[in-house]
Protein backbone atom coordinates (compact mmCIF):
# COMPACT_ATOMS: atom_id res chain seq x y z
CA MET A 1 121.32 112.70 103.56
CA TYR A 2 123.78 111.50 100.94
CA LEU A 3 122.84 114.25 98.42
CA LEU A 4 123.28 116.86 101.24
CA ASN A 5 126.83 115.71 101.64
CA ILE A 6 127.53 116.07 97.90
CA PHE A 7 126.38 119.69 97.90
CA ILE A 8 128.25 120.54 101.12
CA ILE A 9 131.53 119.26 99.66
CA GLY A 10 130.94 121.52 96.73
CA VAL A 11 130.47 124.51 98.94
CA ILE A 12 133.72 123.91 100.78
CA VAL A 13 135.72 123.57 97.53
CA GLY A 14 133.96 126.68 96.23
CA LEU A 15 134.98 128.66 99.35
CA ALA A 16 138.55 127.59 98.91
CA SER A 17 138.56 129.16 95.47
CA CYS A 18 136.65 132.34 96.30
CA ASP A 19 138.18 135.70 96.94
CA ILE A 20 136.84 136.41 100.44
CA ASP A 21 140.19 136.08 102.13
CA CYS A 22 139.10 136.23 105.78
CA PHE A 23 136.30 133.76 105.43
CA ASP A 24 138.42 131.48 103.29
CA LYS A 25 141.18 131.51 105.89
CA GLU A 26 138.96 131.10 108.95
CA SER A 27 136.76 128.43 107.42
CA SER A 28 139.63 126.33 105.99
CA PRO A 29 139.82 124.08 109.08
CA CYS A 30 136.05 123.39 108.72
CA ARG A 31 135.96 120.10 106.92
CA PRO A 32 133.00 117.78 107.33
CA GLU A 33 133.77 114.13 107.75
CA PHE A 34 131.58 112.02 105.51
CA LYS A 35 131.21 108.32 105.27
CA ASN A 36 130.67 107.20 101.73
CA ASP A 37 127.73 105.18 103.00
CA GLU A 38 124.47 105.61 101.10
CA LYS A 39 122.62 104.25 104.10
CA SER A 40 123.33 107.22 106.36
CA SER A 41 121.43 108.05 109.46
CA LEU A 42 120.37 111.20 111.16
CA ASP A 43 122.99 110.51 113.83
CA ASP A 44 125.65 110.41 111.07
CA TYR A 45 124.39 113.73 109.72
CA CYS A 46 124.38 115.33 113.20
CA ARG A 47 127.79 113.98 114.15
CA SER A 48 129.40 115.43 110.98
CA GLN A 49 127.31 118.49 110.30
CA LEU A 50 126.89 120.21 113.63
CA PRO A 51 130.64 120.64 114.26
CA PHE A 52 131.10 121.65 110.57
CA ILE A 53 128.33 124.26 110.62
CA TYR A 54 129.47 125.53 114.04
CA CYS A 55 132.99 126.04 112.68
CA LEU A 56 131.57 127.91 109.64
CA ASN A 57 129.44 130.00 112.02
CA ASN A 58 132.52 130.99 113.97
CA ALA A 59 134.32 131.95 110.78
CA ALA A 60 131.34 133.95 109.61
CA ASN A 61 131.04 135.82 112.87
CA LYS A 62 134.73 136.58 112.90
CA CYS A 63 134.77 137.88 109.29
CA GLY A 64 131.30 139.27 108.89
CA SER A 65 130.51 137.07 105.86
CA PHE A 66 127.41 134.90 105.42
CA GLN A 67 126.44 135.28 109.09
CA GLU A 68 122.69 135.23 108.67
CA GLU A 69 122.66 132.26 106.30
CA ILE A 70 125.01 130.15 108.35
CA GLU A 71 123.16 130.98 111.65
CA THR A 72 119.86 129.97 110.05
CA TRP A 73 121.43 126.70 108.78
CA PHE A 74 123.03 126.07 112.19
CA ASP A 75 119.72 126.67 114.02
CA ALA A 76 117.91 124.24 111.69
CA ALA A 77 120.63 121.57 112.13
CA LYS A 78 120.49 122.00 115.90
CA ASP A 79 116.70 121.57 115.86
CA ALA A 80 116.97 118.48 113.62
CA CYS A 81 119.70 116.99 115.89
CA THR A 82 118.14 117.78 119.29
CA ARG A 83 116.43 114.55 120.49
CA GLY A 84 112.79 114.97 121.11
CA THR A 85 112.07 118.02 118.99
CA LYS A 86 109.29 117.72 116.48
CA LEU A 87 111.70 117.98 113.58
CA ASN A 88 114.08 115.40 115.08
CA LYS A 89 111.27 112.93 115.60
CA GLU A 90 109.98 113.35 112.10
CA LEU A 91 113.42 112.98 110.47
CA GLU A 92 114.43 110.06 112.65
CA ALA A 93 111.25 108.14 111.89
CA ASN A 94 111.60 108.71 108.20
CA VAL A 95 115.37 108.86 107.48
CA GLU A 96 115.36 105.67 105.42
CA CYS A 97 112.52 106.93 103.26
CA ILE A 98 114.18 110.34 102.76
CA THR A 99 117.54 108.80 101.99
CA GLY A 100 116.03 106.44 99.51
CA ALA A 101 114.07 109.17 97.80
CA ILE A 102 116.98 111.53 97.40
CA LYS A 103 119.45 108.79 96.55
CA ASP A 104 117.36 107.77 93.51
CA ALA A 105 116.50 111.36 92.56
CA GLU A 106 117.98 112.60 89.32
CA CYS A 107 117.61 116.31 90.05
CA LEU A 108 121.01 117.73 89.09
CA ILE A 109 121.38 118.55 85.43
CA GLY A 110 124.88 118.20 84.12
CA SER A 111 127.98 117.93 86.21
CA GLU A 112 127.99 116.95 89.89
CA GLU A 113 131.42 118.57 90.15
CA ASP A 114 132.32 120.72 93.13
CA LEU A 115 132.16 124.41 92.90
CA LYS A 116 135.49 125.58 91.50
CA ASP A 117 136.73 128.40 89.26
CA GLN A 118 135.08 126.93 86.20
CA PRO A 119 132.30 128.04 83.84
CA GLU A 120 130.14 125.25 85.22
CA ASP A 121 129.92 127.07 88.57
CA LYS A 122 127.41 129.54 87.22
CA GLN A 123 125.26 126.73 85.82
CA LEU A 124 125.48 124.83 89.09
CA CYS A 125 124.53 127.94 91.06
CA GLN A 126 121.45 128.48 88.86
CA GLN A 127 120.30 124.89 89.56
CA PHE A 128 120.11 125.10 93.36
CA GLU A 129 116.51 126.12 93.54
CA THR A 130 115.48 123.74 90.82
CA VAL A 131 117.27 120.95 92.60
CA THR A 132 115.59 121.86 95.90
CA ASP A 133 112.14 121.72 94.23
CA CYS A 134 112.95 118.40 92.62
CA LEU A 135 114.18 116.84 95.83
CA TYR A 136 111.13 118.16 97.72
CA GLN A 137 108.86 116.58 95.12
CA LYS A 138 110.74 113.22 95.24
CA VAL A 139 110.61 113.12 99.01
CA GLU A 140 106.93 114.18 99.02
CA TYR A 141 106.00 111.49 96.54
CA ALA A 142 107.91 108.74 98.41
CA CYS A 143 107.30 109.79 102.04
CA GLY A 144 104.45 112.32 102.20
CA ARG A 145 104.09 116.04 102.51
CA ASN A 146 104.92 116.29 106.24
CA VAL A 147 108.16 114.35 105.76
CA ALA A 148 109.02 116.50 102.72
CA ASP A 149 108.46 119.63 104.82
CA SER A 150 110.77 118.24 107.55
CA PHE A 151 113.43 117.44 104.86
CA LEU A 152 113.09 120.97 103.52
CA ALA A 153 113.56 122.41 107.06
CA ILE A 154 117.11 121.16 107.14
CA TYR A 155 117.86 121.31 103.36
CA GLU A 156 116.64 124.80 102.54
CA PRO A 157 118.92 126.71 104.95
CA MET A 158 121.97 125.01 103.45
CA VAL A 159 120.77 125.94 99.97
CA GLN A 160 120.27 129.56 101.06
CA TYR A 161 123.89 129.62 102.25
CA GLN A 162 125.03 128.21 98.94
CA LEU A 163 122.95 130.73 97.00
CA LYS A 164 124.55 133.52 98.99
CA ILE A 165 128.01 132.21 98.00
CA CYS A 166 126.80 132.10 94.43
CA LYS A 167 125.45 135.63 94.56
CA GLU A 168 128.38 137.17 96.30
CA ILE A 169 131.20 135.35 94.53
CA ILE A 170 130.52 133.05 91.66
CA LEU A 171 127.90 134.99 89.77
CA LYS A 172 129.90 138.18 90.12
CA ARG A 173 132.82 136.66 88.21
CA GLU A 174 132.66 137.92 84.69
């Protein structure tokens, strides 16, 4: 869950520097609260991410930007955070294994800087899919395929949202 938080912070900073005025304005109050605790739990993720994604969802609906991607991410997070769902049970039972696997993963090449108006943005955008594959493999190796699939169920929608930001904003900068 720790690496999820790193990427999400990057998305927020990236939005602050993008040129989609409405979404930037409406999403500016959407700030996730993170504990700098490498031993995070699913409850920590749910407590910080559901309100954050809900806020982004409201901004997207109001502005007509990134609606599909945020809604998909929000639905996945709700499923992960709803007690008793198959996804929730799988993640809850394996959160320590997942956290350990992604904490030790060295999947990001180069800078772990936030998305900003810098040349590194394009490089970071091009790494999202590679990082996703790397993290999946690390979790699969450490925790098994079913657990890796559950991890991907909450991670992939966030990545799709970030890729949309990259496609619509960062990669269009020339």
